[in-house]
Amino acid sequence: MKYVRCISLIVFVALMVTFVHSEDCTVENEEYYSCASPCRRNCTNLAQMLSCTGVCVSGCFCRPGYFRREDNACVKPWLCSNNSLQNKLTAGNGLDVPH
């Protein structure tokens, strides 16, 4: 019986920690990841090749298909305000660009 209580307590604490962290993400299109790459694409580096060997980090990150803009918003790539990026975005390059 003690074993069941102990396991139940561990599961409850783990769920609460996940719930608390997920509530901390207040930016639209952002979610909590317990193990994400420290080298995330954003509006500034979207058109660059990234090479990352870092260990995973936890925190709030933009959802897949969204990128962090300078104003901290998580936006689709065509909403990034970087003019040089706009010139590099073309259909077929792996980015979801509207036609």
PDB file of N, CA and C in Angstrom:
ATOM      1  N   MET A   1       0.823  -1.199   0.000  1.00  0.00           N
ATOM      2  CA  MET A   1       0.000   0.000   0.000  1.00  0.00           C
ATOM      3  C   MET A   1       0.865   1.260   0.000  1.00  0.00           C
ATOM      4  N   LYS A   2       1.968   1.228   0.778  1.00  0.00           N
ATOM      5  CA  LYS A   2       2.868   2.383   0.808  1.00  0.00           C
ATOM      6  C   LYS A   2       3.475   2.623  -0.569  1.00  0.00           C
ATOM      7  N   TYR A   3       3.753   1.544  -1.281  1.00  0.00           N
ATOM      8  CA  TYR A   3       4.332   1.650  -2.616  1.00  0.00           C
ATOM      9  C   TYR A   3       3.382   2.388  -3.557  1.00  0.00           C
ATOM     10  N   VAL A   4       2.116   2.057  -3.524  1.00  0.00           N
ATOM     11  CA  VAL A   4       1.111   2.699  -4.376  1.00  0.00           C
ATOM     12  C   VAL A   4       0.996   4.176  -4.026  1.00  0.00           C
ATOM     13  N   ARG A   5       0.991   4.503  -2.746  1.00  0.00           N
ATOM     14  CA  ARG A   5       0.923   5.910  -2.330  1.00  0.00           C
ATOM     15  C   ARG A   5       2.147   6.679  -2.797  1.00  0.00           C
ATOM     16  N   CYS A   6       3.300   6.062  -2.662  1.00  0.00           N
ATOM     17  CA  CYS A   6       4.543   6.719  -3.076  1.00  0.00           C
ATOM     18  C   CYS A   6       4.532   6.992  -4.583  1.00  0.00           C
ATOM     19  N   ILE A   7       4.158   6.001  -5.367  1.00  0.00           N
ATOM     20  CA  ILE A   7       4.087   6.174  -6.824  1.00  0.00           C
ATOM     21  C   ILE A   7       3.050   7.233  -7.183  1.00  0.00           C
ATOM     22  N   SER A   8       1.913   7.203  -6.521  1.00  0.00           N
ATOM     23  CA  SER A   8       0.864   8.198  -6.782  1.00  0.00           C
ATOM     24  C   SER A   8       1.358   9.600  -6.484  1.00  0.00           C
ATOM     25  N   LEU A   9       2.089   9.753  -5.397  1.00  0.00           N
ATOM     26  CA  LEU A   9       2.630  11.064  -5.031  1.00  0.00           C
ATOM     27  C   LEU A   9       3.643  11.542  -6.066  1.00  0.00           C
ATOM     28  N   ILE A  10       4.508  10.656  -6.516  1.00  0.00           N
ATOM     29  CA  ILE A  10       5.512  11.021  -7.523  1.00  0.00           C
ATOM     30  C   ILE A  10       4.829  11.450  -8.822  1.00  0.00           C
ATOM     31  N   VAL A  11       3.843  10.704  -9.258  1.00  0.00           N
ATOM     32  CA  VAL A  11       3.112  11.049 -10.484  1.00  0.00           C
ATOM     33  C   VAL A  11       2.412  12.390 -10.320  1.00  0.00           C
ATOM     34  N   PHE A  12       1.784  12.617  -9.182  1.00  0.00           N
ATOM     35  CA  PHE A  12       1.089  13.877  -8.924  1.00  0.00           C
ATOM     36  C   PHE A  12       2.060  15.055  -8.975  1.00  0.00           C
ATOM     37  N   VAL A  13       3.203  14.932  -8.319  1.00  0.00           N
ATOM     38  CA  VAL A  13       4.198  16.012  -8.310  1.00  0.00           C
ATOM     39  C   VAL A  13       4.707  16.268  -9.728  1.00  0.00           C
ATOM     40  N   ALA A  14       4.987  15.214 -10.476  1.00  0.00           N
ATOM     41  CA  ALA A  14       5.464  15.383 -11.852  1.00  0.00           C
ATOM     42  C   ALA A  14       4.430  16.100 -12.710  1.00  0.00           C
ATOM     43  N   LEU A  15       3.171  15.742 -12.555  1.00  0.00           N
ATOM     44  CA  LEU A  15       2.112  16.416 -13.317  1.00  0.00           C
ATOM     45  C   LEU A  15       1.974  17.872 -12.909  1.00  0.00           C
ATOM     46  N   MET A  16       2.098  18.169 -11.639  1.00  0.00           N
ATOM     47  CA  MET A  16       1.985  19.550 -11.163  1.00  0.00           C
ATOM     48  C   MET A  16       3.140  20.395 -11.676  1.00  0.00           C
ATOM     49  N   VAL A  17       4.350  19.849 -11.679  1.00  0.00           N
ATOM     50  CA  VAL A  17       5.505  20.586 -12.195  1.00  0.00           C
ATOM     51  C   VAL A  17       5.294  20.894 -13.666  1.00  0.00           C
ATOM     52  N   THR A  18       4.844  19.930 -14.441  1.00  0.00           N
ATOM     53  CA  THR A  18       4.569  20.153 -15.862  1.00  0.00           C
ATOM     54  C   THR A  18       3.475  21.188 -16.043  1.00  0.00           C
ATOM     55  N   PHE A  19       2.412  21.104 -15.252  1.00  0.00           N
ATOM     56  CA  PHE A  19       1.306  22.052 -15.352  1.00  0.00           C
ATOM     57  C   PHE A  19       1.763  23.460 -15.010  1.00  0.00           C
ATOM     58  N   VAL A  20       2.539  23.619 -13.944  1.00  0.00           N
ATOM     59  CA  VAL A  20       3.017  24.947 -13.537  1.00  0.00           C
ATOM     60  C   VAL A  20       3.891  25.539 -14.624  1.00  0.00           C
ATOM     61  N   HIS A  21       4.809  24.744 -15.173  1.00  0.00           N
ATOM     62  CA  HIS A  21       5.679  25.256 -16.226  1.00  0.00           C
ATOM     63  C   HIS A  21       4.886  25.618 -17.475  1.00  0.00           C
ATOM     64  N   SER A  22       3.915  24.813 -17.841  1.00  0.00           N
ATOM     65  CA  SER A  22       3.153  25.107 -19.050  1.00  0.00           C
ATOM     66  C   SER A  22       2.324  26.371 -18.879  1.00  0.00           C
ATOM     67  N   GLU A  23       1.917  26.676 -17.659  1.00  0.00           N
ATOM     68  CA  GLU A  23       1.156  27.894 -17.400  1.00  0.00           C
ATOM     69  C   GLU A  23       2.035  29.136 -17.508  1.00  0.00           C
ATOM     70  N   ASP A  24       3.345  28.987 -17.361  1.00  0.00           N
ATOM     71  CA  ASP A  24       4.253  30.126 -17.433  1.00  0.00           C
ATOM     72  C   ASP A  24       4.384  30.664 -18.853  1.00  0.00           C
ATOM     73  N   CYS A  25       4.041  29.893 -19.843  1.00  0.00           N
ATOM     74  CA  CYS A  25       4.175  30.306 -21.239  1.00  0.00           C
ATOM     75  C   CYS A  25       2.944  31.126 -21.617  1.00  0.00           C
ATOM     76  N   THR A  26       3.107  32.434 -21.676  1.00  0.00           N
ATOM     77  CA  THR A  26       1.969  33.321 -21.895  1.00  0.00           C
ATOM     78  C   THR A  26       1.924  33.918 -23.295  1.00  0.00           C
ATOM     79  N   VAL A  27       2.987  33.734 -24.080  1.00  0.00           N
ATOM     80  CA  VAL A  27       3.020  34.276 -25.438  1.00  0.00           C
ATOM     81  C   VAL A  27       2.205  33.355 -26.349  1.00  0.00           C
ATOM     82  N   GLU A  28       1.394  33.939 -27.229  1.00  0.00           N
ATOM     83  CA  GLU A  28       0.598  33.151 -28.174  1.00  0.00           C
ATOM     84  C   GLU A  28       1.517  32.296 -29.043  1.00  0.00           C
ATOM     85  N   ASN A  29       1.130  31.067 -29.326  1.00  0.00           N
ATOM     86  CA  ASN A  29       1.889  30.105 -30.135  1.00  0.00           C
ATOM     87  C   ASN A  29       3.196  29.684 -29.474  1.00  0.00           C
ATOM     88  N   GLU A  30       3.215  29.686 -28.159  1.00  0.00           N
ATOM     89  CA  GLU A  30       4.385  29.293 -27.391  1.00  0.00           C
ATOM     90  C   GLU A  30       3.977  28.164 -26.451  1.00  0.00           C
ATOM     91  N   GLU A  31       4.880  27.217 -26.220  1.00  0.00           N
ATOM     92  CA  GLU A  31       4.588  26.141 -25.279  1.00  0.00           C
ATOM     93  C   GLU A  31       5.853  25.730 -24.547  1.00  0.00           C
ATOM     94  N   TYR A  32       5.652  25.054 -23.430  1.00  0.00           N
ATOM     95  CA  TYR A  32       6.764  24.626 -22.588  1.00  0.00           C
ATOM     96  C   TYR A  32       7.341  23.309 -23.092  1.00  0.00           C
ATOM     97  N   TYR A  33       8.666  23.250 -23.159  1.00  0.00           N
ATOM     98  CA  TYR A  33       9.372  22.021 -23.492  1.00  0.00           C
ATOM     99  C   TYR A  33      10.343  21.715 -22.359  1.00  0.00           C
ATOM    100  N   SER A  34      10.357  20.480 -21.906  1.00  0.00           N
ATOM    101  CA  SER A  34      11.272  20.105 -20.831  1.00  0.00           C
ATOM    102  C   SER A  34      12.668  19.810 -21.362  1.00  0.00           C
ATOM    103  N   CYS A  35      12.789  19.525 -22.660  1.00  0.00           N
ATOM    104  CA  CYS A  35      14.102  19.256 -23.250  1.00  0.00           C
ATOM    105  C   CYS A  35      14.080  19.692 -24.712  1.00  0.00           C
ATOM    106  N   ALA A  36      14.500  20.926 -24.959  1.00  0.00           N
ATOM    107  CA  ALA A  36      14.520  21.475 -26.318  1.00  0.00           C
ATOM    108  C   ALA A  36      15.944  21.889 -26.676  1.00  0.00           C
ATOM    109  N   SER A  37      16.201  22.029 -27.942  1.00  0.00           N
ATOM    110  CA  SER A  37      17.520  22.457 -28.404  1.00  0.00           C
ATOM    111  C   SER A  37      17.800  23.884 -27.939  1.00  0.00           C
ATOM    112  N   PRO A  38      19.015  24.148 -27.446  1.00  0.00           N
ATOM    113  CA  PRO A  38      19.363  25.519 -27.068  1.00  0.00           C
ATOM    114  C   PRO A  38      19.586  26.407 -28.296  1.00  0.00           C
ATOM    115  N   CYS A  39      19.658  25.808 -29.467  1.00  0.00           N
ATOM    116  CA  CYS A  39      19.900  26.547 -30.712  1.00  0.00           C
ATOM    117  C   CYS A  39      18.619  26.580 -31.534  1.00  0.00           C
ATOM    118  N   ARG A  40      17.655  27.324 -31.089  1.00  0.00           N
ATOM    119  CA  ARG A  40      16.361  27.401 -31.765  1.00  0.00           C
ATOM    120  C   ARG A  40      16.416  28.443 -32.875  1.00  0.00           C
ATOM    121  N   ARG A  41      15.733  28.150 -33.966  1.00  0.00           N
ATOM    122  CA  ARG A  41      15.615  29.140 -35.040  1.00  0.00           C
ATOM    123  C   ARG A  41      14.708  30.266 -34.577  1.00  0.00           C
ATOM    124  N   ASN A  42      15.044  31.484 -35.008  1.00  0.00           N
ATOM    125  CA  ASN A  42      14.212  32.650 -34.728  1.00  0.00           C
ATOM    126  C   ASN A  42      14.228  33.538 -35.959  1.00  0.00           C
ATOM    127  N   CYS A  43      13.547  34.656 -35.909  1.00  0.00           N
ATOM    128  CA  CYS A  43      13.464  35.532 -37.080  1.00  0.00           C
ATOM    129  C   CYS A  43      14.827  36.085 -37.482  1.00  0.00           C
ATOM    130  N   THR A  44      15.748  36.187 -36.552  1.00  0.00           N
ATOM    131  CA  THR A  44      17.071  36.726 -36.850  1.00  0.00           C
ATOM    132  C   THR A  44      17.948  35.705 -37.565  1.00  0.00           C
ATOM    133  N   ASN A  45      17.860  34.428 -37.195  1.00  0.00           N
ATOM    134  CA  ASN A  45      18.754  33.420 -37.769  1.00  0.00           C
ATOM    135  C   ASN A  45      18.042  32.429 -38.691  1.00  0.00           C
ATOM    136  N   LEU A  46      16.832  32.724 -39.086  1.00  0.00           N
ATOM    137  CA  LEU A  46      16.005  31.786 -39.844  1.00  0.00           C
ATOM    138  C   LEU A  46      16.639  31.366 -41.166  1.00  0.00           C
ATOM    139  N   ALA A  47      17.329  32.262 -41.832  1.00  0.00           N
ATOM    140  CA  ALA A  47      17.911  31.963 -43.139  1.00  0.00           C
ATOM    141  C   ALA A  47      19.350  31.457 -43.040  1.00  0.00           C
ATOM    142  N   GLN A  48      19.858  31.251 -41.826  1.00  0.00           N
ATOM    143  CA  GLN A  48      21.237  30.807 -41.623  1.00  0.00           C
ATOM    144  C   GLN A  48      21.285  29.313 -41.331  1.00  0.00           C
ATOM    145  N   MET A  49      22.412  28.704 -41.621  1.00  0.00           N
ATOM    146  CA  MET A  49      22.642  27.309 -41.248  1.00  0.00           C
ATOM    147  C   MET A  49      23.024  27.293 -39.770  1.00  0.00           C
ATOM    148  N   LEU A  50      22.393  26.427 -38.989  1.00  0.00           N
ATOM    149  CA  LEU A  50      22.704  26.322 -37.566  1.00  0.00           C
ATOM    150  C   LEU A  50      23.446  25.025 -37.295  1.00  0.00           C
ATOM    151  N   SER A  51      24.469  25.122 -36.469  1.00  0.00           N
ATOM    152  CA  SER A  51      25.194  23.949 -36.012  1.00  0.00           C
ATOM    153  C   SER A  51      25.215  24.015 -34.500  1.00  0.00           C
ATOM    154  N   CYS A  52      24.588  23.043 -33.867  1.00  0.00           N
ATOM    155  CA  CYS A  52      24.450  23.098 -32.422  1.00  0.00           C
ATOM    156  C   CYS A  52      24.774  21.746 -31.811  1.00  0.00           C
ATOM    157  N   THR A  53      25.618  21.756 -30.811  1.00  0.00           N
ATOM    158  CA  THR A  53      25.953  20.521 -30.111  1.00  0.00           C
ATOM    159  C   THR A  53      25.607  20.624 -28.632  1.00  0.00           C
ATOM    160  N   GLY A  54      24.889  21.676 -28.244  1.00  0.00           N
ATOM    161  CA  GLY A  54      24.548  21.885 -26.841  1.00  0.00           C
ATOM    162  C   GLY A  54      23.547  20.871 -26.323  1.00  0.00           C
ATOM    163  N   VAL A  55      23.523  20.733 -25.012  1.00  0.00           N
ATOM    164  CA  VAL A  55      22.553  19.844 -24.375  1.00  0.00           C
ATOM    165  C   VAL A  55      21.188  20.511 -24.385  1.00  0.00           C
ATOM    166  N   CYS A  56      20.156  19.748 -24.121  1.00  0.00           N
ATOM    167  CA  CYS A  56      18.809  20.309 -24.156  1.00  0.00           C
ATOM    168  C   CYS A  56      18.560  21.235 -22.966  1.00  0.00           C
ATOM    169  N   VAL A  57      17.634  22.151 -23.158  1.00  0.00           N
ATOM    170  CA  VAL A  57      17.241  23.101 -22.120  1.00  0.00           C
ATOM    171  C   VAL A  57      15.719  23.077 -21.995  1.00  0.00           C
ATOM    172  N   SER A  58      15.231  23.476 -20.836  1.00  0.00           N
ATOM    173  CA  SER A  58      13.783  23.551 -20.639  1.00  0.00           C
ATOM    174  C   SER A  58      13.346  25.003 -20.673  1.00  0.00           C
ATOM    175  N   GLY A  59      12.106  25.225 -21.051  1.00  0.00           N
ATOM    176  CA  GLY A  59      11.576  26.579 -21.070  1.00  0.00           C
ATOM    177  C   GLY A  59      10.455  26.735 -22.077  1.00  0.00           C
ATOM    178  N   CYS A  60      10.051  27.976 -22.271  1.00  0.00           N
ATOM    179  CA  CYS A  60       8.981  28.302 -23.214  1.00  0.00           C
ATOM    180  C   CYS A  60       9.589  28.596 -24.581  1.00  0.00           C
ATOM    181  N   PHE A  61       9.102  27.904 -25.586  1.00  0.00           N
ATOM    182  CA  PHE A  61       9.610  28.063 -26.943  1.00  0.00           C
ATOM    183  C   PHE A  61       8.432  28.173 -27.898  1.00  0.00           C
ATOM    184  N   CYS A  62       8.693  28.764 -29.064  1.00  0.00           N
ATOM    185  CA  CYS A  62       7.648  28.857 -30.078  1.00  0.00           C
ATOM    186  C   CYS A  62       7.280  27.458 -30.565  1.00  0.00           C
ATOM    187  N   ARG A  63       5.998  27.263 -30.837  1.00  0.00           N
ATOM    188  CA  ARG A  63       5.509  25.991 -31.358  1.00  0.00           C
ATOM    189  C   ARG A  63       6.129  25.728 -32.726  1.00  0.00           C
ATOM    190  N   PRO A  64       6.141  24.463 -33.179  1.00  0.00           N
ATOM    191  CA  PRO A  64       6.679  24.153 -34.507  1.00  0.00           C
ATOM    192  C   PRO A  64       5.997  24.993 -35.589  1.00  0.00           C
ATOM    193  N   GLY A  65       6.811  25.539 -36.496  1.00  0.00           N
ATOM    194  CA  GLY A  65       6.286  26.376 -37.573  1.00  0.00           C
ATOM    195  C   GLY A  65       6.232  27.848 -37.223  1.00  0.00           C
ATOM    196  N   TYR A  66       6.542  28.206 -35.975  1.00  0.00           N
ATOM    197  CA  TYR A  66       6.554  29.594 -35.515  1.00  0.00           C
ATOM    198  C   TYR A  66       7.966  29.956 -35.073  1.00  0.00           C
ATOM    199  N   PHE A  67       8.304  31.230 -35.204  1.00  0.00           N
ATOM    200  CA  PHE A  67       9.653  31.682 -34.897  1.00  0.00           C
ATOM    201  C   PHE A  67       9.600  32.941 -34.044  1.00  0.00           C
ATOM    202  N   ARG A  68      10.560  33.071 -33.124  1.00  0.00           N
ATOM    203  CA  ARG A  68      10.599  34.208 -32.200  1.00  0.00           C
ATOM    204  C   ARG A  68      11.029  35.461 -32.958  1.00  0.00           C
ATOM    205  N   ARG A  69      10.194  36.493 -32.888  1.00  0.00           N
ATOM    206  CA  ARG A  69      10.485  37.782 -33.514  1.00  0.00           C
ATOM    207  C   ARG A  69      11.147  38.678 -32.473  1.00  0.00           C
ATOM    208  N   GLU A  70      11.709  39.803 -32.901  1.00  0.00           N
ATOM    209  CA  GLU A  70      12.409  40.726 -32.009  1.00  0.00           C
ATOM    210  C   GLU A  70      11.517  41.250 -30.886  1.00  0.00           C
ATOM    211  N   ASP A  71      10.214  41.331 -31.112  1.00  0.00           N
ATOM    212  CA  ASP A  71       9.289  41.820 -30.081  1.00  0.00           C
ATOM    213  C   ASP A  71       8.792  40.687 -29.177  1.00  0.00           C
ATOM    214  N   ASN A  72       9.430  39.515 -29.256  1.00  0.00           N
ATOM    215  CA  ASN A  72       9.153  38.336 -28.439  1.00  0.00           C
ATOM    216  C   ASN A  72       7.929  37.542 -28.899  1.00  0.00           C
ATOM    217  N   ALA A  73       7.259  37.969 -29.961  1.00  0.00           N
ATOM    218  CA  ALA A  73       6.099  37.239 -30.476  1.00  0.00           C
ATOM    219  C   ALA A  73       6.571  35.987 -31.222  1.00  0.00           C
ATOM    220  N   CYS A  74       5.746  34.948 -31.231  1.00  0.00           N
ATOM    221  CA  CYS A  74       5.994  33.741 -32.017  1.00  0.00           C
ATOM    222  C   CYS A  74       5.150  33.853 -33.282  1.00  0.00           C
ATOM    223  N   VAL A  75       5.820  33.976 -34.431  1.00  0.00           N
ATOM    224  CA  VAL A  75       5.122  34.261 -35.684  1.00  0.00           C
ATOM    225  C   VAL A  75       5.524  33.275 -36.770  1.00  0.00           C
ATOM    226  N   LYS A  76       4.698  33.182 -37.808  1.00  0.00           N
ATOM    227  CA  LYS A  76       5.048  32.415 -38.998  1.00  0.00           C
ATOM    228  C   LYS A  76       6.220  33.127 -39.682  1.00  0.00           C
ATOM    229  N   PRO A  77       7.036  32.418 -40.461  1.00  0.00           N
ATOM    230  CA  PRO A  77       8.250  33.024 -41.017  1.00  0.00           C
ATOM    231  C   PRO A  77       7.997  34.250 -41.889  1.00  0.00           C
ATOM    232  N   TRP A  78       6.881  34.285 -42.602  1.00  0.00           N
ATOM    233  CA  TRP A  78       6.627  35.439 -43.469  1.00  0.00           C
ATOM    234  C   TRP A  78       6.238  36.685 -42.676  1.00  0.00           C
ATOM    235  N   LEU A  79       6.039  36.551 -41.370  1.00  0.00           N
ATOM    236  CA  LEU A  79       5.745  37.717 -40.536  1.00  0.00           C
ATOM    237  C   LEU A  79       6.980  38.243 -39.817  1.00  0.00           C
ATOM    238  N   CYS A  80       8.130  37.622 -40.063  1.00  0.00           N
ATOM    239  CA  CYS A  80       9.380  38.153 -39.522  1.00  0.00           C
ATOM    240  C   CYS A  80       9.669  39.470 -40.230  1.00  0.00           C
ATOM    241  N   SER A  81      10.188  40.431 -39.500  1.00  0.00           N
ATOM    242  CA  SER A  81      10.379  41.768 -40.066  1.00  0.00           C
ATOM    243  C   SER A  81      11.745  41.958 -40.703  1.00  0.00           C
ATOM    244  N   ASN A  82      12.560  40.936 -40.783  1.00  0.00           N
ATOM    245  CA  ASN A  82      13.907  41.036 -41.326  1.00  0.00           C
ATOM    246  C   ASN A  82      13.841  41.109 -42.855  1.00  0.00           C
ATOM    247  N   ASN A  83      14.218  42.243 -43.439  1.00  0.00           N
ATOM    248  CA  ASN A  83      14.131  42.428 -44.893  1.00  0.00           C
ATOM    249  C   ASN A  83      15.016  41.460 -45.662  1.00  0.00           C
ATOM    250  N   SER A  84      16.227  41.175 -45.157  1.00  0.00           N
ATOM    251  CA  SER A  84      17.093  40.237 -45.867  1.00  0.00           C
ATOM    252  C   SER A  84      16.495  38.839 -45.840  1.00  0.00           C
ATOM    253  N   LEU A  85      15.777  38.519 -44.783  1.00  0.00           N
ATOM    254  CA  LEU A  85      15.107  37.227 -44.701  1.00  0.00           C
ATOM    255  C   LEU A  85      14.018  37.136 -45.753  1.00  0.00           C
ATOM    256  N   GLN A  86      13.255  38.199 -45.931  1.00  0.00           N
ATOM    257  CA  GLN A  86      12.171  38.190 -46.917  1.00  0.00           C
ATOM    258  C   GLN A  86      12.710  37.872 -48.309  1.00  0.00           C
ATOM    259  N   ASN A  87      13.918  38.338 -48.622  1.00  0.00           N
ATOM    260  CA  ASN A  87      14.507  38.071 -49.931  1.00  0.00           C
ATOM    261  C   ASN A  87      14.922  36.612 -50.085  1.00  0.00           C
ATOM    262  N   LYS A  88      15.218  35.929 -48.976  1.00  0.00           N
ATOM    263  CA  LYS A  88      15.690  34.552 -49.032  1.00  0.00           C
ATOM    264  C   LYS A  88      14.562  33.531 -48.964  1.00  0.00           C
ATOM    265  N   LEU A  89      13.388  33.937 -48.517  1.00  0.00           N
ATOM    266  CA  LEU A  89      12.276  32.998 -48.397  1.00  0.00           C
ATOM    267  C   LEU A  89      11.695  32.703 -49.775  1.00  0.00           C
ATOM    268  N   THR A  90      11.775  31.465 -50.166  1.00  0.00           N
ATOM    269  CA  THR A  90      11.204  31.053 -51.446  1.00  0.00           C
ATOM    270  C   THR A  90      10.451  29.753 -51.246  1.00  0.00           C
ATOM    271  N   ALA A  91       9.491  29.507 -52.083  1.00  0.00           N
ATOM    272  CA  ALA A  91       8.734  28.257 -51.995  1.00  0.00           C
ATOM    273  C   ALA A  91       9.674  27.083 -52.247  1.00  0.00           C
ATOM    274  N   GLY A  92       9.498  26.014 -51.504  1.00  0.00           N
ATOM    275  CA  GLY A  92      10.301  24.816 -51.703  1.00  0.00           C
ATOM    276  C   GLY A  92      11.557  24.753 -50.866  1.00  0.00           C
ATOM    277  N   ASN A  93      11.788  25.727 -49.992  1.00  0.00           N
ATOM    278  CA  ASN A  93      13.001  25.688 -49.181  1.00  0.00           C
ATOM    279  C   ASN A  93      12.773  25.052 -47.817  1.00  0.00           C
ATOM    280  N   GLY A  94      11.621  24.442 -47.609  1.00  0.00           N
ATOM    281  CA  GLY A  94      11.335  23.781 -46.349  1.00  0.00           C
ATOM    282  C   GLY A  94      10.579  24.644 -45.366  1.00  0.00           C
ATOM    283  N   LEU A  95      10.407  25.911 -45.672  1.00  0.00           N
ATOM    284  CA  LEU A  95       9.653  26.806 -44.804  1.00  0.00           C
ATOM    285  C   LEU A  95       8.244  26.935 -45.346  1.00  0.00           C
ATOM    286  N   ASP A  96       7.304  27.062 -44.470  1.00  0.00           N
ATOM    287  CA  ASP A  96       5.892  27.136 -44.853  1.00  0.00           C
ATOM    288  C   ASP A  96       5.552  28.563 -45.269  1.00  0.00           C
ATOM    289  N   VAL A  97       5.808  28.898 -46.525  1.00  0.00           N
ATOM    290  CA  VAL A  97       5.594  30.250 -47.034  1.00  0.00           C
ATOM    291  C   VAL A  97       4.331  30.267 -47.879  1.00  0.00           C
ATOM    292  N   PRO A  98       3.406  31.203 -47.623  1.00  0.00           N
ATOM    293  CA  PRO A  98       2.177  31.242 -48.418  1.00  0.00           C
ATOM    294  C   PRO A  98       2.453  31.687 -49.845  1.00  0.00           C
ATOM    295  N   HIS A  99       1.652  31.224 -50.763  1.00  0.00           N
ATOM    296  CA  HIS A  99       1.824  31.595 -52.185  1.00  0.00           C
ATOM    297  C   HIS A  99       0.848  32.678 -52.558  1.00  0.00           C
TER     298      HIS A  99
END
